[in-house]
N, C-alpha and C. Protein backbone atom coordinates (compact mmCIF):
# COMPACT_ATOMS: atom_id res chain seq x y z
N MET A 1 -17.66 17.15 6.85
CA MET A 1 -16.27 17.14 7.24
C MET A 1 -15.65 15.73 7.22
N LYS A 2 -16.47 14.73 7.66
CA LYS A 2 -15.96 13.37 7.66
C LYS A 2 -15.65 12.88 6.24
N GLY A 3 -16.52 13.24 5.31
CA GLY A 3 -16.33 12.82 3.88
C GLY A 3 -15.04 13.41 3.30
N ILE A 4 -14.72 14.65 3.63
CA ILE A 4 -13.50 15.25 3.15
C ILE A 4 -12.28 14.58 3.80
N ALA A 5 -12.40 14.29 5.10
CA ALA A 5 -11.29 13.58 5.80
C ALA A 5 -11.08 12.19 5.17
N ASP A 6 -12.16 11.50 4.86
CA ASP A 6 -12.03 10.20 4.22
C ASP A 6 -11.33 10.30 2.88
N LEU A 7 -11.72 11.31 2.08
CA LEU A 7 -11.09 11.52 0.76
C LEU A 7 -9.61 11.84 0.91
N LEU A 8 -9.29 12.77 1.77
CA LEU A 8 -7.87 13.16 1.98
C LEU A 8 -7.07 11.94 2.52
N GLY A 9 -7.65 11.21 3.40
CA GLY A 9 -6.96 10.02 3.91
C GLY A 9 -6.67 9.00 2.83
N ARG A 10 -7.65 8.77 1.94
CA ARG A 10 -7.45 7.85 0.84
C ARG A 10 -6.36 8.35 -0.12
N ILE A 11 -6.35 9.65 -0.37
CA ILE A 11 -5.36 10.25 -1.26
C ILE A 11 -3.95 10.08 -0.63
N CYS A 12 -3.84 10.38 0.65
CA CYS A 12 -2.52 10.26 1.33
C CYS A 12 -2.08 8.80 1.37
N LEU A 13 -2.98 7.87 1.66
CA LEU A 13 -2.62 6.46 1.70
C LEU A 13 -2.16 5.97 0.35
N SER A 14 -2.89 6.31 -0.70
CA SER A 14 -2.52 5.83 -2.00
C SER A 14 -1.27 6.45 -2.56
N THR A 15 -0.93 7.67 -2.13
CA THR A 15 0.25 8.34 -2.66
C THR A 15 1.52 7.57 -2.40
N ILE A 16 1.67 7.00 -1.19
CA ILE A 16 2.90 6.26 -0.90
C ILE A 16 3.02 5.04 -1.79
N PHE A 17 1.90 4.41 -2.12
CA PHE A 17 1.97 3.22 -2.98
C PHE A 17 2.25 3.61 -4.43
N PHE A 18 1.64 4.67 -4.92
CA PHE A 18 1.98 5.11 -6.27
C PHE A 18 3.44 5.47 -6.37
N PHE A 19 3.99 6.13 -5.35
CA PHE A 19 5.41 6.44 -5.35
C PHE A 19 6.26 5.18 -5.34
N GLU A 20 5.88 4.18 -4.56
CA GLU A 20 6.59 2.93 -4.52
C GLU A 20 6.59 2.24 -5.88
N VAL A 21 5.49 2.30 -6.55
CA VAL A 21 5.38 1.69 -7.88
C VAL A 21 6.32 2.40 -8.86
N LEU A 22 6.26 3.70 -8.89
CA LEU A 22 7.15 4.45 -9.77
C LEU A 22 8.61 4.25 -9.45
N ASP A 23 8.93 4.25 -8.17
CA ASP A 23 10.31 4.06 -7.74
C ASP A 23 10.80 2.67 -8.12
N THR A 24 10.00 1.67 -7.98
CA THR A 24 10.40 0.30 -8.34
C THR A 24 10.58 0.16 -9.87
N ILE A 25 9.73 0.85 -10.61
CA ILE A 25 9.85 0.80 -12.10
C ILE A 25 11.15 1.47 -12.54
N PHE A 26 11.40 2.69 -11.99
CA PHE A 26 12.57 3.44 -12.45
C PHE A 26 13.87 2.79 -11.96
N PHE A 27 13.83 2.17 -10.81
CA PHE A 27 15.03 1.58 -10.22
C PHE A 27 14.83 0.05 -10.05
N TYR A 28 14.42 -0.58 -11.16
CA TYR A 28 14.06 -2.00 -11.13
C TYR A 28 15.26 -2.88 -10.70
N ASN A 29 16.43 -2.63 -11.24
CA ASN A 29 17.60 -3.42 -10.87
C ASN A 29 17.97 -3.24 -9.43
N THR A 30 17.84 -2.05 -8.92
CA THR A 30 18.12 -1.79 -7.51
C THR A 30 17.14 -2.54 -6.65
N ALA A 31 15.88 -2.58 -7.07
CA ALA A 31 14.85 -3.34 -6.30
C ALA A 31 15.16 -4.83 -6.28
N LYS A 32 15.67 -5.35 -7.42
CA LYS A 32 16.08 -6.76 -7.44
C LYS A 32 17.27 -7.01 -6.53
N GLU A 33 18.18 -6.09 -6.47
CA GLU A 33 19.34 -6.21 -5.56
C GLU A 33 18.86 -6.17 -4.11
N ALA A 34 17.88 -5.31 -3.83
CA ALA A 34 17.33 -5.24 -2.47
C ALA A 34 16.66 -6.55 -2.10
N LEU A 35 15.93 -7.15 -3.02
CA LEU A 35 15.32 -8.44 -2.75
C LEU A 35 16.38 -9.49 -2.44
N THR A 36 17.47 -9.48 -3.17
CA THR A 36 18.55 -10.41 -2.90
C THR A 36 19.14 -10.16 -1.54
N ASN A 37 19.32 -8.92 -1.16
CA ASN A 37 19.87 -8.60 0.19
C ASN A 37 18.92 -9.03 1.30
N TYR A 38 17.60 -9.01 1.03
CA TYR A 38 16.64 -9.47 2.04
C TYR A 38 16.49 -10.97 2.08
N GLY A 39 17.17 -11.66 1.13
CA GLY A 39 17.09 -13.10 1.11
C GLY A 39 15.99 -13.67 0.23
N VAL A 40 15.35 -12.82 -0.53
CA VAL A 40 14.28 -13.27 -1.45
C VAL A 40 14.90 -13.45 -2.81
N THR A 41 15.18 -14.66 -3.17
CA THR A 41 15.84 -14.94 -4.48
C THR A 41 14.97 -15.74 -5.42
N TRP A 42 13.82 -16.16 -4.99
CA TRP A 42 12.95 -17.05 -5.79
C TRP A 42 12.11 -16.17 -6.73
N MET A 43 12.24 -16.39 -8.03
CA MET A 43 11.44 -15.75 -9.09
C MET A 43 11.29 -14.27 -8.88
N GLN A 44 12.38 -13.54 -8.83
CA GLN A 44 12.34 -12.12 -8.49
C GLN A 44 11.55 -11.28 -9.51
N ASP A 45 11.74 -11.54 -10.79
CA ASP A 45 11.03 -10.78 -11.78
C ASP A 45 9.53 -10.96 -11.67
N THR A 46 9.08 -12.20 -11.56
CA THR A 46 7.66 -12.47 -11.42
C THR A 46 7.11 -11.85 -10.15
N LEU A 47 7.88 -11.93 -9.07
CA LEU A 47 7.44 -11.37 -7.81
C LEU A 47 7.32 -9.87 -7.89
N LEU A 48 8.29 -9.20 -8.49
CA LEU A 48 8.25 -7.74 -8.59
C LEU A 48 7.12 -7.29 -9.50
N ILE A 49 6.89 -7.96 -10.59
CA ILE A 49 5.79 -7.56 -11.49
C ILE A 49 4.48 -7.76 -10.81
N THR A 50 4.30 -8.86 -10.10
CA THR A 50 3.06 -9.15 -9.34
C THR A 50 2.80 -8.05 -8.30
N VAL A 51 3.88 -7.71 -7.56
CA VAL A 51 3.76 -6.65 -6.52
C VAL A 51 3.42 -5.32 -7.16
N LEU A 52 4.04 -5.02 -8.30
CA LEU A 52 3.76 -3.77 -8.97
C LEU A 52 2.28 -3.68 -9.41
N VAL A 53 1.75 -4.76 -9.98
CA VAL A 53 0.38 -4.78 -10.38
C VAL A 53 -0.59 -4.69 -9.17
N MET A 54 -0.30 -5.42 -8.15
CA MET A 54 -1.16 -5.35 -6.94
C MET A 54 -1.16 -3.96 -6.33
N MET A 55 0.04 -3.37 -6.23
CA MET A 55 0.07 -2.02 -5.64
C MET A 55 -0.60 -0.96 -6.53
N SER A 56 -0.43 -1.09 -7.87
CA SER A 56 -1.04 -0.14 -8.78
C SER A 56 -2.58 -0.20 -8.71
N VAL A 57 -3.07 -1.42 -8.84
CA VAL A 57 -4.53 -1.63 -8.80
C VAL A 57 -5.08 -1.24 -7.45
N GLY A 58 -4.41 -1.69 -6.39
CA GLY A 58 -4.89 -1.40 -5.04
C GLY A 58 -4.90 0.09 -4.77
N ALA A 59 -3.86 0.81 -5.11
CA ALA A 59 -3.81 2.24 -4.87
C ALA A 59 -4.84 3.00 -5.70
N LEU A 60 -5.06 2.53 -6.94
CA LEU A 60 -6.06 3.15 -7.78
C LEU A 60 -7.44 2.94 -7.20
N LEU A 61 -7.78 1.76 -6.75
CA LEU A 61 -9.08 1.47 -6.16
C LEU A 61 -9.27 2.29 -4.88
N VAL A 62 -8.22 2.42 -4.11
CA VAL A 62 -8.33 3.20 -2.86
C VAL A 62 -8.59 4.66 -3.16
N VAL A 63 -7.83 5.27 -4.08
CA VAL A 63 -7.91 6.69 -4.32
C VAL A 63 -9.27 7.07 -4.93
N ILE A 64 -9.79 6.23 -5.83
CA ILE A 64 -11.09 6.61 -6.45
C ILE A 64 -12.27 6.16 -5.56
N GLY A 65 -12.04 5.28 -4.63
CA GLY A 65 -13.10 4.85 -3.70
C GLY A 65 -14.02 3.83 -4.30
N TYR A 66 -13.64 3.19 -5.36
CA TYR A 66 -14.50 2.13 -5.94
C TYR A 66 -13.87 0.79 -5.55
N PHE A 67 -14.60 0.02 -4.83
CA PHE A 67 -14.05 -1.24 -4.24
C PHE A 67 -12.83 -0.94 -3.41
N ALA A 68 -12.89 0.13 -2.59
CA ALA A 68 -11.73 0.54 -1.81
C ALA A 68 -11.30 -0.51 -0.83
N ARG A 69 -12.26 -1.30 -0.34
CA ARG A 69 -11.90 -2.37 0.60
C ARG A 69 -11.04 -3.45 -0.10
N VAL A 70 -11.38 -3.76 -1.34
CA VAL A 70 -10.59 -4.71 -2.11
C VAL A 70 -9.20 -4.13 -2.37
N GLY A 71 -9.17 -2.84 -2.75
CA GLY A 71 -7.88 -2.20 -2.94
C GLY A 71 -7.03 -2.19 -1.68
N ALA A 72 -7.63 -1.94 -0.54
CA ALA A 72 -6.89 -1.96 0.71
C ALA A 72 -6.38 -3.36 1.03
N LEU A 73 -7.16 -4.38 0.72
CA LEU A 73 -6.74 -5.77 0.94
C LEU A 73 -5.54 -6.08 0.03
N LEU A 74 -5.59 -5.67 -1.25
CA LEU A 74 -4.44 -5.91 -2.16
C LEU A 74 -3.17 -5.24 -1.59
N LEU A 75 -3.34 -4.03 -1.11
CA LEU A 75 -2.19 -3.33 -0.57
C LEU A 75 -1.66 -3.95 0.72
N LEU A 76 -2.57 -4.46 1.54
CA LEU A 76 -2.13 -5.15 2.76
C LEU A 76 -1.40 -6.44 2.41
N LEU A 77 -1.84 -7.16 1.37
CA LEU A 77 -1.19 -8.41 0.99
C LEU A 77 0.27 -8.15 0.55
N VAL A 78 0.58 -6.94 0.10
CA VAL A 78 1.96 -6.60 -0.27
C VAL A 78 2.67 -5.98 0.91
N TRP A 79 2.00 -5.07 1.63
CA TRP A 79 2.69 -4.23 2.58
C TRP A 79 3.06 -4.96 3.86
N VAL A 80 2.23 -5.90 4.33
CA VAL A 80 2.53 -6.59 5.60
C VAL A 80 3.78 -7.46 5.44
N PRO A 81 3.85 -8.33 4.41
CA PRO A 81 5.10 -9.12 4.29
C PRO A 81 6.33 -8.24 4.05
N PHE A 82 6.17 -7.17 3.21
CA PHE A 82 7.26 -6.28 2.95
C PHE A 82 7.78 -5.66 4.26
N THR A 83 6.88 -5.25 5.14
CA THR A 83 7.25 -4.62 6.43
C THR A 83 8.08 -5.56 7.27
N PHE A 84 7.63 -6.83 7.37
CA PHE A 84 8.33 -7.76 8.22
C PHE A 84 9.63 -8.27 7.61
N ILE A 85 9.72 -8.27 6.28
CA ILE A 85 10.97 -8.70 5.63
C ILE A 85 12.01 -7.58 5.62
N ALA A 86 11.57 -6.40 5.22
CA ALA A 86 12.53 -5.29 5.03
C ALA A 86 12.95 -4.62 6.32
N TYR A 87 12.07 -4.57 7.30
CA TYR A 87 12.38 -3.82 8.53
C TYR A 87 12.37 -4.75 9.76
N SER A 88 13.05 -5.85 9.69
CA SER A 88 13.17 -6.79 10.82
C SER A 88 14.25 -6.26 11.76
N PHE A 89 13.85 -5.24 12.55
CA PHE A 89 14.79 -4.57 13.44
C PHE A 89 15.34 -5.47 14.51
N TRP A 90 14.63 -6.54 14.85
CA TRP A 90 15.09 -7.45 15.87
C TRP A 90 16.27 -8.28 15.41
N ASN A 91 16.56 -8.33 14.10
CA ASN A 91 17.74 -9.00 13.59
C ASN A 91 18.91 -8.07 13.28
N ASP A 92 18.66 -6.77 13.40
CA ASP A 92 19.69 -5.77 13.06
C ASP A 92 20.67 -5.59 14.19
N PRO A 93 21.89 -5.12 13.85
CA PRO A 93 22.83 -4.78 14.92
C PRO A 93 22.31 -3.63 15.74
N PRO A 94 22.72 -3.49 16.99
CA PRO A 94 22.15 -2.48 17.88
C PRO A 94 22.22 -1.04 17.37
N ASP A 95 23.28 -0.70 16.61
CA ASP A 95 23.36 0.67 16.14
C ASP A 95 22.33 0.97 15.03
N LEU A 96 21.75 -0.01 14.37
CA LEU A 96 20.74 0.19 13.34
C LEU A 96 19.30 -0.06 13.80
N GLN A 97 19.16 -0.66 14.97
CA GLN A 97 17.84 -1.08 15.47
C GLN A 97 16.86 0.10 15.56
N ARG A 98 17.31 1.22 16.11
CA ARG A 98 16.41 2.35 16.33
C ARG A 98 15.91 2.90 14.98
N GLU A 99 16.77 3.07 14.01
CA GLU A 99 16.37 3.62 12.71
C GLU A 99 15.41 2.63 12.01
N THR A 100 15.75 1.34 12.01
CA THR A 100 14.89 0.35 11.37
C THR A 100 13.55 0.24 12.07
N MET A 101 13.54 0.39 13.40
CA MET A 101 12.30 0.33 14.16
C MET A 101 11.41 1.49 13.80
N LEU A 102 11.95 2.68 13.54
CA LEU A 102 11.16 3.82 13.17
C LEU A 102 10.47 3.59 11.80
N PHE A 103 11.19 2.99 10.83
CA PHE A 103 10.59 2.64 9.53
C PHE A 103 9.50 1.56 9.73
N PHE A 104 9.79 0.62 10.57
CA PHE A 104 8.81 -0.44 10.87
C PHE A 104 7.52 0.12 11.42
N MET A 105 7.69 1.06 12.39
CA MET A 105 6.50 1.70 13.00
C MET A 105 5.73 2.52 12.02
N ARG A 106 6.41 3.21 11.11
CA ARG A 106 5.76 3.98 10.06
C ARG A 106 4.90 3.06 9.20
N ASN A 107 5.47 1.92 8.82
CA ASN A 107 4.69 0.97 8.03
C ASN A 107 3.52 0.38 8.80
N LEU A 108 3.69 0.22 10.09
CA LEU A 108 2.56 -0.27 10.90
C LEU A 108 1.44 0.78 10.88
N ALA A 109 1.78 2.07 10.90
CA ALA A 109 0.78 3.12 10.81
C ALA A 109 0.04 3.05 9.48
N VAL A 110 0.75 2.78 8.35
CA VAL A 110 0.11 2.64 7.07
C VAL A 110 -0.81 1.44 7.09
N ILE A 111 -0.36 0.33 7.68
CA ILE A 111 -1.20 -0.87 7.80
C ILE A 111 -2.47 -0.53 8.59
N GLY A 112 -2.31 0.24 9.69
CA GLY A 112 -3.48 0.66 10.47
C GLY A 112 -4.46 1.48 9.62
N GLY A 113 -3.94 2.37 8.82
CA GLY A 113 -4.81 3.17 7.96
C GLY A 113 -5.55 2.29 6.96
N LEU A 114 -4.87 1.33 6.38
CA LEU A 114 -5.54 0.41 5.43
C LEU A 114 -6.61 -0.42 6.13
N LEU A 115 -6.32 -0.85 7.38
CA LEU A 115 -7.31 -1.62 8.11
C LEU A 115 -8.53 -0.78 8.43
N LEU A 116 -8.33 0.51 8.79
CA LEU A 116 -9.44 1.43 9.02
C LEU A 116 -10.28 1.63 7.74
N LEU A 117 -9.61 1.72 6.64
CA LEU A 117 -10.29 1.87 5.35
C LEU A 117 -11.12 0.60 5.08
N MET A 118 -10.59 -0.56 5.33
CA MET A 118 -11.37 -1.80 5.16
C MET A 118 -12.59 -1.82 6.09
N ALA A 119 -12.43 -1.35 7.30
CA ALA A 119 -13.52 -1.36 8.27
C ALA A 119 -14.61 -0.37 7.95
N ASN A 120 -14.21 0.83 7.50
CA ASN A 120 -15.18 1.93 7.37
C ASN A 120 -15.63 2.21 5.91
N GLY A 121 -14.95 1.66 4.95
CA GLY A 121 -15.28 1.91 3.55
C GLY A 121 -14.72 3.24 3.05
N SER A 122 -15.12 3.56 1.84
CA SER A 122 -14.49 4.71 1.17
C SER A 122 -15.10 6.06 1.55
N GLY A 123 -16.25 6.07 2.12
CA GLY A 123 -16.85 7.33 2.52
C GLY A 123 -17.71 7.99 1.49
N GLU A 124 -18.02 9.27 1.74
CA GLU A 124 -19.00 10.01 0.96
C GLU A 124 -18.49 10.37 -0.43
N TYR A 125 -17.25 10.78 -0.53
CA TYR A 125 -16.71 11.24 -1.80
C TYR A 125 -15.94 10.10 -2.50
N SER A 126 -16.67 9.31 -3.24
CA SER A 126 -16.05 8.19 -3.93
C SER A 126 -16.84 7.86 -5.21
N VAL A 127 -16.22 7.18 -6.10
CA VAL A 127 -16.87 6.79 -7.37
C VAL A 127 -18.02 5.86 -7.05
N ARG A 128 -17.82 4.99 -6.09
CA ARG A 128 -18.87 4.03 -5.71
C ARG A 128 -20.16 4.79 -5.27
N ARG A 129 -19.98 5.79 -4.44
CA ARG A 129 -21.14 6.58 -3.98
C ARG A 129 -21.72 7.37 -5.12
N LEU A 130 -20.91 7.89 -6.01
CA LEU A 130 -21.40 8.63 -7.17
C LEU A 130 -22.28 7.75 -8.05
N ILE A 131 -21.86 6.52 -8.28
CA ILE A 131 -22.68 5.59 -9.10
C ILE A 131 -23.98 5.28 -8.40
N HIS A 132 -23.91 5.11 -7.08
CA HIS A 132 -25.12 4.76 -6.33
C HIS A 132 -26.10 5.92 -6.33
N VAL A 133 -25.61 7.15 -6.18
CA VAL A 133 -26.46 8.35 -6.12
C VAL A 133 -27.10 8.66 -7.49
N MET A 134 -26.35 8.41 -8.57
CA MET A 134 -26.83 8.78 -9.91
C MET A 134 -28.07 7.97 -10.32
N ARG A 135 -28.07 6.70 -10.05
CA ARG A 135 -29.22 5.83 -10.35
C ARG A 135 -29.77 6.13 -11.77
N LEU A 136 -29.04 5.73 -12.72
CA LEU A 136 -29.43 5.97 -14.10
C LEU A 136 -30.75 5.31 -14.43
N PRO A 137 -31.56 5.96 -15.31
CA PRO A 137 -32.86 5.39 -15.63
C PRO A 137 -32.74 4.10 -16.42
N LYS A 138 -33.73 3.24 -16.26
CA LYS A 138 -33.68 1.92 -16.88
C LYS A 138 -34.19 1.95 -18.30
């Protein structure tokens, strides 16, 4: 049961990042405008492409369970700064603070899931375990 929960958790965690990658690709100009609104104006194209690559590779590693800890680290390197830049509810006007705080807390939950993945590894149902169990003849 734990192995299935690990697999489903990895699938759920990686889904949000795959969606973010696709959303950023399809709405690239909107993403650049959002960066400008957040005050990030330095090398936006390079930054967005780097983030897209990190999220794609990280989500792929997490979902297949091969070097899932490295994938979780890549996702954390993107998600933690994004959370504090995009959802800084302490700077928002009082009528927006509650809504922004809810998004901030959701992202903290995702960060917690990634940290748990880093601590516990990918679990029983993963490509890494499959390679270990197969032990091909020499």
